[in-house]
Amino acid sequence: MYERMLDKNHKPTNEEFLRHCGTAQGPFEELDRFLSVEMNAGKLLRFPYGNKYGW
């Protein structure tokens, strides 16, 4: 769970993010739902800062 997703050439799917979250999967899904539904926020997935940070 603590390893970073550093492969810039492989854009992770939502399912991969959920698996990566491990035991924090529930809170991640709830935060995603809140931002999407309640706050009407759009989603943008990017790899902005290189291999120090990842996805």
Protein backbone atom coordinates (compact mmCIF):
# COMPACT_ATOMS: atom_id res chain seq x y z
CA MET A 1 0.00 0.00 0.00
CA TYR A 2 2.87 2.41 0.59
CA GLU A 3 4.57 2.00 -2.77
CA ARG A 4 4.11 4.80 -5.24
CA MET A 5 2.55 4.38 -8.65
CA LEU A 6 5.53 5.58 -10.67
CA ASP A 7 4.99 4.11 -14.14
CA LYS A 8 4.19 7.19 -16.22
CA ASN A 9 3.36 5.02 -19.24
CA HIS A 10 0.59 3.13 -17.41
CA LYS A 11 -2.36 5.29 -16.41
CA PRO A 12 -3.99 3.48 -13.45
CA THR A 13 -7.66 2.58 -13.62
CA ASN A 14 -10.07 3.41 -10.82
CA GLU A 15 -9.99 -0.25 -9.77
CA GLU A 16 -6.18 -0.13 -9.52
CA PHE A 17 -6.40 2.97 -7.33
CA LEU A 18 -8.90 1.21 -5.06
CA ARG A 19 -6.67 -1.86 -4.74
CA HIS A 20 -3.71 0.42 -4.03
CA CYS A 21 -5.65 2.08 -1.18
CA GLY A 22 -5.98 -1.21 0.68
CA THR A 23 -7.83 -0.66 3.97
CA ALA A 24 -8.43 3.00 3.07
CA GLN A 25 -10.57 1.97 0.10
CA GLY A 26 -13.85 2.89 1.82
CA PRO A 27 -12.80 6.44 2.77
CA PHE A 28 -11.29 6.93 -0.71
CA GLU A 29 -14.57 5.91 -2.36
CA GLU A 30 -16.57 8.17 -0.04
CA LEU A 31 -14.29 11.14 -0.73
CA ASP A 32 -14.54 10.46 -4.48
CA ARG A 33 -18.34 10.29 -4.25
CA PHE A 34 -18.50 13.50 -2.20
CA LEU A 35 -16.30 15.44 -4.60
CA SER A 36 -18.14 14.13 -7.65
CA VAL A 37 -21.74 14.32 -6.44
CA GLU A 38 -21.89 16.92 -3.68
CA MET A 39 -19.25 19.33 -4.96
CA ASN A 40 -19.81 18.61 -8.67
CA ALA A 41 -16.04 18.47 -9.18
CA GLY A 42 -14.57 17.06 -12.36
CA LYS A 43 -11.88 14.39 -12.37
CA LEU A 44 -8.43 14.92 -13.82
CA LEU A 45 -5.76 12.26 -13.46
CA ARG A 46 -2.26 13.33 -14.37
CA PHE A 47 1.39 12.58 -13.69
CA PRO A 48 2.59 16.15 -13.05
CA TYR A 49 5.88 16.04 -11.17
CA GLY A 50 7.86 13.06 -12.44
CA ASN A 51 9.00 9.92 -10.67
CA LYS A 52 9.38 11.55 -7.26
CA TYR A 53 5.62 11.64 -6.79
CA GLY A 54 3.83 9.45 -9.34
CA TRP A 55 0.13 9.37 -10.07
